[in-house]
Amino acid sequence: MRLVLGEIPKEESYNGFGFFLNLFYHYGLVCVGLIIGVIIALLFIITDVFILKKKLVGNSKQTQIRILVLLLIAFIVFIIHYFLEKVIDVI
């Protein structure tokens, strides 16, 4: 997230408009990035541990199916993120 948002603003720029930019920077980095990251991580964990592991017991292609499903989830998250950032311009 720091790569996207850039460097932390210098303390000299905290006066006036720089103060609001600093608030936006920290809010975007900590609140939004952390919440979205936790949601995506929970999707991966719930899908892999609680659903795929139980349904694929004894299957010879268990690893390939698990990797394929997790890549599918990552692709869906990518599409949603792209749509929200580039098309609707929400993010």
N, C-alpha and C. Protein backbone atom coordinates (compact mmCIF):
# COMPACT_ATOMS: atom_id res chain seq x y z
N MET A 1 0.82 -1.18 0.00
CA MET A 1 0.00 0.00 0.00
C MET A 1 0.87 1.25 0.00
N ARG A 2 2.02 1.19 0.66
CA ARG A 2 2.91 2.36 0.66
C ARG A 2 3.46 2.63 -0.74
N LEU A 3 3.61 1.59 -1.55
CA LEU A 3 4.07 1.80 -2.92
C LEU A 3 3.06 2.60 -3.73
N VAL A 4 1.78 2.36 -3.48
CA VAL A 4 0.73 3.05 -4.21
C VAL A 4 0.59 4.49 -3.72
N LEU A 5 0.59 4.69 -2.41
CA LEU A 5 0.36 6.02 -1.85
C LEU A 5 1.60 6.90 -1.83
N GLY A 6 2.78 6.30 -1.95
CA GLY A 6 4.01 7.09 -1.97
C GLY A 6 4.59 7.27 -0.56
N GLU A 7 5.51 8.20 -0.46
CA GLU A 7 6.18 8.44 0.81
C GLU A 7 5.24 9.10 1.82
N ILE A 8 5.59 8.92 3.08
CA ILE A 8 4.85 9.60 4.15
C ILE A 8 5.12 11.09 4.04
N PRO A 9 4.07 11.92 4.08
CA PRO A 9 4.28 13.38 3.97
C PRO A 9 5.17 13.90 5.10
N LYS A 10 6.00 14.87 4.77
CA LYS A 10 6.89 15.48 5.77
C LYS A 10 6.08 16.28 6.79
N GLU A 11 6.62 16.40 7.99
CA GLU A 11 5.90 17.10 9.04
C GLU A 11 5.76 18.60 8.76
N GLU A 12 6.62 19.16 7.90
CA GLU A 12 6.50 20.58 7.57
C GLU A 12 5.24 20.85 6.75
N SER A 13 4.76 19.84 6.03
CA SER A 13 3.60 20.05 5.16
C SER A 13 2.29 19.79 5.89
N TYR A 14 2.32 19.67 7.21
CA TYR A 14 1.10 19.40 7.96
C TYR A 14 0.24 20.64 8.15
N ASN A 15 0.74 21.80 7.81
CA ASN A 15 -0.06 23.01 7.98
C ASN A 15 -0.99 23.20 6.79
N GLY A 16 -2.14 23.75 7.02
CA GLY A 16 -3.09 24.04 5.94
C GLY A 16 -3.60 22.78 5.26
N PHE A 17 -3.48 22.79 3.93
CA PHE A 17 -4.00 21.69 3.12
C PHE A 17 -3.20 20.41 3.32
N GLY A 18 -1.92 20.52 3.65
CA GLY A 18 -1.08 19.35 3.89
C GLY A 18 -1.57 18.53 5.06
N PHE A 19 -2.20 19.19 6.03
CA PHE A 19 -2.76 18.48 7.16
C PHE A 19 -3.85 17.50 6.70
N PHE A 20 -4.71 17.95 5.79
CA PHE A 20 -5.77 17.09 5.28
C PHE A 20 -5.22 15.96 4.41
N LEU A 21 -4.17 16.25 3.65
CA LEU A 21 -3.53 15.20 2.86
C LEU A 21 -2.92 14.13 3.76
N ASN A 22 -2.34 14.55 4.87
CA ASN A 22 -1.77 13.61 5.82
C ASN A 22 -2.86 12.73 6.42
N LEU A 23 -3.99 13.32 6.79
CA LEU A 23 -5.11 12.54 7.32
C LEU A 23 -5.60 11.53 6.30
N PHE A 24 -5.74 11.95 5.04
CA PHE A 24 -6.18 11.06 3.98
C PHE A 24 -5.18 9.93 3.78
N TYR A 25 -3.89 10.24 3.83
CA TYR A 25 -2.85 9.23 3.63
C TYR A 25 -2.96 8.15 4.70
N HIS A 26 -3.02 8.57 5.96
CA HIS A 26 -3.08 7.58 7.04
C HIS A 26 -4.40 6.84 7.05
N TYR A 27 -5.50 7.52 6.74
CA TYR A 27 -6.79 6.85 6.69
C TYR A 27 -6.81 5.81 5.57
N GLY A 28 -6.31 6.18 4.40
CA GLY A 28 -6.29 5.24 3.28
C GLY A 28 -5.38 4.07 3.53
N LEU A 29 -4.24 4.31 4.14
CA LEU A 29 -3.28 3.25 4.38
C LEU A 29 -3.73 2.30 5.46
N VAL A 30 -4.16 2.83 6.58
CA VAL A 30 -4.47 1.99 7.73
C VAL A 30 -5.90 1.46 7.68
N CYS A 31 -6.86 2.33 7.58
CA CYS A 31 -8.26 1.90 7.69
C CYS A 31 -8.72 1.12 6.47
N VAL A 32 -8.62 1.71 5.31
CA VAL A 32 -9.14 1.07 4.11
C VAL A 32 -8.29 -0.13 3.71
N GLY A 33 -6.98 0.05 3.64
CA GLY A 33 -6.10 -1.05 3.23
C GLY A 33 -6.15 -2.23 4.17
N LEU A 34 -6.20 -1.96 5.45
CA LEU A 34 -6.24 -3.04 6.43
C LEU A 34 -7.55 -3.81 6.35
N ILE A 35 -8.66 -3.11 6.25
CA ILE A 35 -9.97 -3.77 6.21
C ILE A 35 -10.11 -4.62 4.95
N ILE A 36 -9.76 -4.07 3.80
CA ILE A 36 -9.87 -4.82 2.56
C ILE A 36 -8.91 -6.01 2.55
N GLY A 37 -7.71 -5.83 3.07
CA GLY A 37 -6.75 -6.93 3.15
C GLY A 37 -7.24 -8.05 4.04
N VAL A 38 -7.85 -7.71 5.17
CA VAL A 38 -8.39 -8.73 6.08
C VAL A 38 -9.54 -9.48 5.43
N ILE A 39 -10.40 -8.77 4.71
CA ILE A 39 -11.52 -9.43 4.04
C ILE A 39 -11.02 -10.42 2.99
N ILE A 40 -10.05 -10.03 2.19
CA ILE A 40 -9.51 -10.92 1.17
C ILE A 40 -8.81 -12.11 1.81
N ALA A 41 -8.04 -11.87 2.86
CA ALA A 41 -7.36 -12.97 3.55
C ALA A 41 -8.37 -13.96 4.14
N LEU A 42 -9.44 -13.45 4.71
CA LEU A 42 -10.47 -14.34 5.25
C LEU A 42 -11.15 -15.15 4.15
N LEU A 43 -11.37 -14.55 2.99
CA LEU A 43 -11.93 -15.30 1.87
C LEU A 43 -11.03 -16.48 1.50
N PHE A 44 -9.74 -16.23 1.40
CA PHE A 44 -8.79 -17.29 1.07
C PHE A 44 -8.79 -18.37 2.15
N ILE A 45 -8.70 -17.98 3.40
CA ILE A 45 -8.60 -18.96 4.49
C ILE A 45 -9.88 -19.78 4.61
N ILE A 46 -11.03 -19.13 4.58
CA ILE A 46 -12.30 -19.85 4.70
C ILE A 46 -12.47 -20.82 3.54
N THR A 47 -12.17 -20.35 2.34
CA THR A 47 -12.33 -21.22 1.18
C THR A 47 -11.38 -22.40 1.23
N ASP A 48 -10.14 -22.15 1.55
CA ASP A 48 -9.15 -23.22 1.52
C ASP A 48 -9.32 -24.20 2.68
N VAL A 49 -9.36 -23.70 3.89
CA VAL A 49 -9.34 -24.58 5.05
C VAL A 49 -10.68 -25.23 5.31
N PHE A 50 -11.74 -24.45 5.27
CA PHE A 50 -13.03 -24.98 5.70
C PHE A 50 -13.84 -25.62 4.58
N ILE A 51 -13.60 -25.26 3.33
CA ILE A 51 -14.41 -25.81 2.24
C ILE A 51 -13.62 -26.79 1.40
N LEU A 52 -12.52 -26.35 0.82
CA LEU A 52 -11.78 -27.19 -0.11
C LEU A 52 -11.12 -28.39 0.56
N LYS A 53 -10.55 -28.19 1.71
CA LYS A 53 -9.83 -29.27 2.38
C LYS A 53 -10.77 -30.43 2.71
N LYS A 54 -12.00 -30.13 3.13
CA LYS A 54 -12.95 -31.17 3.49
C LYS A 54 -13.53 -31.87 2.28
N LYS A 55 -13.78 -31.13 1.21
CA LYS A 55 -14.42 -31.72 0.03
C LYS A 55 -13.45 -32.51 -0.84
N LEU A 56 -12.17 -32.25 -0.74
CA LEU A 56 -11.20 -32.89 -1.63
C LEU A 56 -10.40 -34.00 -0.97
N VAL A 57 -10.87 -34.53 0.13
CA VAL A 57 -10.15 -35.60 0.82
C VAL A 57 -10.15 -36.84 -0.08
N GLY A 58 -8.99 -37.39 -0.33
CA GLY A 58 -8.85 -38.59 -1.14
C GLY A 58 -8.79 -38.34 -2.63
N ASN A 59 -8.88 -37.11 -3.06
CA ASN A 59 -8.79 -36.79 -4.48
C ASN A 59 -7.33 -36.70 -4.88
N SER A 60 -6.97 -37.31 -6.01
CA SER A 60 -5.57 -37.33 -6.44
C SER A 60 -5.09 -35.97 -6.93
N LYS A 61 -6.00 -35.12 -7.39
CA LYS A 61 -5.62 -33.80 -7.88
C LYS A 61 -6.01 -32.72 -6.88
N GLN A 62 -5.92 -33.02 -5.60
CA GLN A 62 -6.33 -32.10 -4.55
C GLN A 62 -5.56 -30.78 -4.60
N THR A 63 -4.27 -30.85 -4.75
CA THR A 63 -3.44 -29.63 -4.74
C THR A 63 -3.74 -28.75 -5.94
N GLN A 64 -3.87 -29.36 -7.11
CA GLN A 64 -4.14 -28.57 -8.31
C GLN A 64 -5.50 -27.88 -8.23
N ILE A 65 -6.50 -28.57 -7.71
CA ILE A 65 -7.84 -27.97 -7.59
C ILE A 65 -7.82 -26.83 -6.59
N ARG A 66 -7.12 -27.01 -5.46
CA ARG A 66 -7.04 -25.95 -4.45
C ARG A 66 -6.35 -24.71 -5.02
N ILE A 67 -5.26 -24.91 -5.74
CA ILE A 67 -4.54 -23.78 -6.33
C ILE A 67 -5.41 -23.09 -7.37
N LEU A 68 -6.11 -23.85 -8.20
CA LEU A 68 -6.98 -23.28 -9.22
C LEU A 68 -8.10 -22.45 -8.60
N VAL A 69 -8.73 -22.95 -7.54
CA VAL A 69 -9.81 -22.21 -6.89
C VAL A 69 -9.28 -20.94 -6.24
N LEU A 70 -8.12 -21.00 -5.60
CA LEU A 70 -7.55 -19.80 -4.97
C LEU A 70 -7.13 -18.77 -6.03
N LEU A 71 -6.62 -19.23 -7.17
CA LEU A 71 -6.32 -18.29 -8.26
C LEU A 71 -7.59 -17.69 -8.82
N LEU A 72 -8.67 -18.44 -8.87
CA LEU A 72 -9.95 -17.92 -9.32
C LEU A 72 -10.45 -16.83 -8.38
N ILE A 73 -10.32 -17.04 -7.08
CA ILE A 73 -10.72 -16.02 -6.11
C ILE A 73 -9.86 -14.76 -6.28
N ALA A 74 -8.56 -14.94 -6.47
CA ALA A 74 -7.67 -13.80 -6.68
C ALA A 74 -8.05 -13.03 -7.95
N PHE A 75 -8.44 -13.75 -9.00
CA PHE A 75 -8.85 -13.10 -10.24
C PHE A 75 -10.15 -12.32 -10.05
N ILE A 76 -11.09 -12.88 -9.29
CA ILE A 76 -12.35 -12.19 -9.01
C ILE A 76 -12.09 -10.91 -8.22
N VAL A 77 -11.22 -10.98 -7.22
CA VAL A 77 -10.86 -9.80 -6.43
C VAL A 77 -10.18 -8.76 -7.33
N PHE A 78 -9.33 -9.21 -8.24
CA PHE A 78 -8.68 -8.30 -9.19
C PHE A 78 -9.71 -7.59 -10.06
N ILE A 79 -10.68 -8.32 -10.58
CA ILE A 79 -11.70 -7.73 -11.45
C ILE A 79 -12.53 -6.70 -10.67
N ILE A 80 -12.93 -7.05 -9.45
CA ILE A 80 -13.71 -6.12 -8.63
C ILE A 80 -12.90 -4.87 -8.33
N HIS A 81 -11.62 -5.04 -7.98
CA HIS A 81 -10.76 -3.90 -7.67
C HIS A 81 -10.57 -3.02 -8.90
N TYR A 82 -10.33 -3.64 -10.04
CA TYR A 82 -10.15 -2.86 -11.28
C TYR A 82 -11.42 -2.09 -11.61
N PHE A 83 -12.57 -2.74 -11.48
CA PHE A 83 -13.84 -2.09 -11.78
C PHE A 83 -14.07 -0.90 -10.85
N LEU A 84 -13.80 -1.08 -9.56
CA LEU A 84 -14.01 0.01 -8.60
C LEU A 84 -13.01 1.15 -8.79
N GLU A 85 -11.76 0.81 -9.16
CA GLU A 85 -10.74 1.85 -9.26
C GLU A 85 -10.76 2.58 -10.60
N LYS A 86 -10.86 1.87 -11.68
CA LYS A 86 -10.73 2.49 -13.01
C LYS A 86 -12.07 2.89 -13.61
N VAL A 87 -13.10 2.06 -13.46
CA VAL A 87 -14.36 2.33 -14.13
C VAL A 87 -15.22 3.29 -13.33
N ILE A 88 -15.47 2.95 -12.07
CA ILE A 88 -16.34 3.79 -11.23
C ILE A 88 -15.55 4.89 -10.53
N ASP A 89 -14.26 4.71 -10.34
CA ASP A 89 -13.37 5.65 -9.68
C ASP A 89 -13.78 5.89 -8.21
N VAL A 90 -14.02 4.77 -7.52
CA VAL A 90 -14.36 4.84 -6.10
C VAL A 90 -13.11 4.75 -5.25
N ILE A 91 -12.20 3.86 -5.63
CA ILE A 91 -10.98 3.64 -4.85
C ILE A 91 -9.93 4.62 -5.30
